[in-house]
Amino acid sequence: MQAVLAGETPDRTPRFEIWIDALLPELGQPDTVSAHVNLGQDAIMLPSHQPPESNAWRNGVDEWGRVWQDGMYVRGVVDTEEDLARYSPPVASARDFFDPVETAAIAARHPDHCLIFGTHVGPFMAGYMAMGFEPFFFRLLDDPAFIHRLLEHRTAWCIQLFQAAIDCGAEVIVLGDDAAHRRGPMIGPDMWRTFVLPYHHRIVEALSVPVIWHSDGDIRPLLPLAVEAGFTGVHGLEPLAGIDLAQVKQAFGDQLVLIGNADVNVLCRKDLAAVRREVDRCLAQGAPGGRYMLATCNSIFEGMDPDAVAEFFRYQAAVLDNA
């Protein structure tokens, strides 16, 4: 991993599934840390702990102004300056998400693994979830100053959270900031340059370790801005959004580490031969010359076929460990 992140050619392509927090019983894994190790990944996600009083991913309005129902995001409630003040937790509270004793024990048990931390707290995503999609995008035009005040706070909190992770041993940060759908970015590159690029650049500059940007959807028009922000790499590269790994590799492979592109839909069917073909395709298109890490385009999630997921991990190990 360190060779790839440094732009060097590795002895083999790293295996870098970021989020493996679903299907643990079906995969025979007792916990997330064990899953990363036992399934042959080169990195381990450091655990974080949501405050027990938070409604995030549960029911009700959380501390960010996001409304949840049965664990699903419904809408946002931030609309006024008063709302922004009410739903902007103290930046210092970010450190409460980690247990330094727990993370130190993980590092001691697994010195041969890269410790990473990633979560969806990017300022753009945090902004539209706090306000709701339509209000947020209308206010980009009607009240840009309010949007900037919102993103300023979310950026400061994001930096504090990631710095806390680094202090606990994280060697790579993954900034989840979903910015696109299958037909393209939610906002165009010019607006992105105004409203998002400065905050992404601030995050990258504030942190002492490589930062990877994750987004679903077709982010190709935004990739030059990812380079400009200073990201080490991008994760996702969703094939159903039309992203051709070979083409992106040719265009950006010397500027960004590319991570992912394995089609998650293949892992939702019990077609193990198709799983193996997908691994082979990603390695053939992404691995030559380095600067690629194998992963799904999203994560391991509920609804995937456990046998297909197990084969995905088994086969990548068989191919790469014998390369």
Foldseek 3Di string as FASTA:
>chain_A
DVCLLVLHADPFFFAPFDFDQPCCVVLVHPGQQRCCVVLRHQEGEAAWADPPVACALHAQQGLQQFGDDNRDTDAGDDDDPVSLVRSQDDLLCLLNGHDLVVLVVSCVVCVRHAYEHEDALALQQSLCRNGPPPVSVVCVPVPVVVSQVSSVRSLSSVLSNVVSVVVSPHQEYEHEHAAAALQEGPDAPVSCVVRPLVSLLVSCVSDDHAYEYEYEYDHVRCVVSCLVSPHQAYAQQAVSSVRDLLVCCVVPVSRHQYEAHQHQVQQLDPPQVVLLVSLVRCCVRRNVSRSYHYYHNPHDHPNGDSVNVSSNSVNVCVVGVVD
